[in-house]
């Protein structure tokens, strides 16, 4: 471009400046998009961990209820058997 006599040095500098501004703008947008994506990934991870903990607590509570039901059933069966033998 600099060897072309129809293009001034100022025009070349202006074109180079415009290209650099456009490049910087694209880089800034890409960095912003990357930060937003990283933030969303962190939010999804946090939400998944919270749900996993809630599920773990619900499973623990269900297992205790199952155990208590088994104990009560065993006691009732033993009582019924004792009544059947005695009666």
C-alpha atoms as a PDB file:
ATOM      1  CA  UNK A   1       0.000   0.000   0.000  1.00  0.00           C
ATOM      2  CA  UNK A   2       2.811   2.385   0.845  1.00  0.00           C
ATOM      3  CA  UNK A   3       4.271   1.996  -2.639  1.00  0.00           C
ATOM      4  CA  UNK A   4       1.018   3.202  -4.216  1.00  0.00           C
ATOM      5  CA  UNK A   5       1.303   6.974  -4.900  1.00  0.00           C
ATOM      6  CA  UNK A   6      -2.521   7.399  -4.812  1.00  0.00           C
ATOM      7  CA  UNK A   7      -2.739   6.368  -1.154  1.00  0.00           C
ATOM      8  CA  UNK A   8      -1.463   8.828   1.398  1.00  0.00           C
ATOM      9  CA  UNK A   9       0.364   7.873   4.570  1.00  0.00           C
ATOM     10  CA  UNK A  10      -2.512   9.386   6.580  1.00  0.00           C
ATOM     11  CA  UNK A  11      -5.024   7.155   4.794  1.00  0.00           C
ATOM     12  CA  UNK A  12      -2.919   4.103   5.557  1.00  0.00           C
ATOM     13  CA  UNK A  13      -2.696   5.079   9.235  1.00  0.00           C
ATOM     14  CA  UNK A  14      -6.461   5.627   9.359  1.00  0.00           C
ATOM     15  CA  UNK A  15      -7.161   2.212   7.861  1.00  0.00           C
ATOM     16  CA  UNK A  16      -4.702   0.548  10.242  1.00  0.00           C
ATOM     17  CA  UNK A  17      -6.287   2.371  13.203  1.00  0.00           C
ATOM     18  CA  UNK A  18      -9.767   1.268  12.130  1.00  0.00           C
ATOM     19  CA  UNK A  19      -8.607  -2.335  11.806  1.00  0.00           C
ATOM     20  CA  UNK A  20      -6.990  -2.212  15.254  1.00  0.00           C
ATOM     21  CA  UNK A  21     -10.141  -0.706  16.799  1.00  0.00           C
ATOM     22  CA  UNK A  22     -12.287  -3.391  15.193  1.00  0.00           C
ATOM     23  CA  UNK A  23      -9.897  -6.102  16.396  1.00  0.00           C
ATOM     24  CA  UNK A  24      -9.900  -4.700  19.937  1.00  0.00           C
ATOM     25  CA  UNK A  25     -13.691  -4.500  19.919  1.00  0.00           C
ATOM     26  CA  UNK A  26     -13.987  -8.138  18.825  1.00  0.00           C
ATOM     27  CA  UNK A  27     -11.476  -9.213  21.482  1.00  0.00           C
ATOM     28  CA  UNK A  28     -13.367  -7.334  24.189  1.00  0.00           C
ATOM     29  CA  UNK A  29     -16.651  -8.929  23.126  1.00  0.00           C
ATOM     30  CA  UNK A  30     -15.050 -12.375  23.115  1.00  0.00           C
ATOM     31  CA  UNK A  31     -13.648 -11.814  26.614  1.00  0.00           C
ATOM     32  CA  UNK A  32     -17.052 -10.606  27.860  1.00  0.00           C
ATOM     33  CA  UNK A  33     -18.762 -13.658  26.374  1.00  0.00           C
ATOM     34  CA  UNK A  34     -16.148 -15.929  27.954  1.00  0.00           C
ATOM     35  CA  UNK A  35     -16.665 -14.308  31.377  1.00  0.00           C
ATOM     36  CA  UNK A  36     -20.444 -14.673  31.070  1.00  0.00           C
ATOM     37  CA  UNK A  37     -20.115 -18.312  30.031  1.00  0.00           C
ATOM     38  CA  UNK A  38     -17.784 -19.029  32.962  1.00  0.00           C
ATOM     39  CA  UNK A  39     -20.220 -17.336  35.340  1.00  0.00           C
ATOM     40  CA  UNK A  40     -23.082 -19.454  34.012  1.00  0.00           C
ATOM     41  CA  UNK A  41     -21.024 -22.631  34.356  1.00  0.00           C
ATOM     42  CA  UNK A  42     -20.280 -21.747  37.988  1.00  0.00           C
ATOM     43  CA  UNK A  43     -23.974 -21.074  38.651  1.00  0.00           C
ATOM     44  CA  UNK A  44     -24.978 -24.417  37.095  1.00  0.00           C
ATOM     45  CA  UNK A  45     -22.331 -26.242  39.153  1.00  0.00           C
ATOM     46  CA  UNK A  46     -23.543 -24.558  42.346  1.00  0.00           C
ATOM     47  CA  UNK A  47     -27.170 -25.400  41.542  1.00  0.00           C
ATOM     48  CA  UNK A  48     -26.270 -29.028  40.788  1.00  0.00           C
ATOM     49  CA  UNK A  49     -24.384 -29.329  44.095  1.00  0.00           C
ATOM     50  CA  UNK A  50     -27.337 -27.835  45.981  1.00  0.00           C
ATOM     51  CA  UNK A  51     -29.772 -30.249  44.339  1.00  0.00           C
ATOM     52  CA  UNK A  52     -27.438 -33.173  44.996  1.00  0.00           C
ATOM     53  CA  UNK A  53     -27.313 -32.263  48.701  1.00  0.00           C
ATOM     54  CA  UNK A  54     -31.119 -31.966  48.857  1.00  0.00           C
ATOM     55  CA  UNK A  55     -31.458 -35.372  47.191  1.00  0.00           C
ATOM     56  CA  UNK A  56     -28.959 -36.890  49.616  1.00  0.00           C
ATOM     57  CA  UNK A  57     -30.917 -35.517  52.584  1.00  0.00           C
ATOM     58  CA  UNK A  58     -34.209 -36.815  51.162  1.00  0.00           C
ATOM     59  CA  UNK A  59     -32.689 -40.267  50.605  1.00  0.00           C
ATOM     60  CA  UNK A  60     -31.335 -40.312  54.161  1.00  0.00           C
ATOM     61  CA  UNK A  61     -34.744 -39.378  55.567  1.00  0.00           C
ATOM     62  CA  UNK A  62     -36.444 -42.031  53.425  1.00  0.00           C
ATOM     63  CA  UNK A  63     -34.012 -44.691  54.610  1.00  0.00           C
ATOM     64  CA  UNK A  64     -34.728 -43.829  58.261  1.00  0.00           C
ATOM     65  CA  UNK A  65     -38.480 -44.080  57.615  1.00  0.00           C
ATOM     66  CA  UNK A  66     -37.937 -47.421  55.902  1.00  0.00           C
ATOM     67  CA  UNK A  67     -35.885 -48.663  58.856  1.00  0.00           C
ATOM     68  CA  UNK A  68     -38.517 -47.496  61.376  1.00  0.00           C
ATOM     69  CA  UNK A  69     -41.259 -49.146  59.330  1.00  0.00           C
ATOM     70  CA  UNK A  70     -39.311 -52.405  59.324  1.00  0.00           C
ATOM     71  CA  UNK A  71     -38.805 -52.216  63.100  1.00  0.00           C
ATOM     72  CA  UNK A  72     -42.503 -51.522  63.744  1.00  0.00           C
ATOM     73  CA  UNK A  73     -43.475 -54.344  61.370  1.00  0.00           C
ATOM     74  CA  UNK A  74     -41.120 -56.726  63.148  1.00  0.00           C
ATOM     75  CA  UNK A  75     -42.565 -55.779  66.527  1.00  0.00           C
ATOM     76  CA  UNK A  76     -46.116 -56.187  65.209  1.00  0.00           C
ATOM     77  CA  UNK A  77     -45.261 -59.582  63.684  1.00  0.00           C
ATOM     78  CA  UNK A  78     -43.654 -60.743  66.918  1.00  0.00           C
ATOM     79  CA  UNK A  79     -46.688 -59.569  68.899  1.00  0.00           C
ATOM     80  CA  UNK A  80     -49.076 -61.256  66.477  1.00  0.00           C
ATOM     81  CA  UNK A  81     -47.055 -64.463  66.642  1.00  0.00           C
ATOM     82  CA  UNK A  82     -47.068 -64.355  70.415  1.00  0.00           C
ATOM     83  CA  UNK A  83     -50.832 -63.861  70.457  1.00  0.00           C
ATOM     84  CA  UNK A  84     -51.307 -66.691  67.983  1.00  0.00           C
ATOM     85  CA  UNK A  85     -49.221 -69.081  70.061  1.00  0.00           C
ATOM     86  CA  UNK A  86     -50.849 -68.046  73.332  1.00  0.00           C
ATOM     87  CA  UNK A  87     -54.421 -68.075  72.030  1.00  0.00           C
END
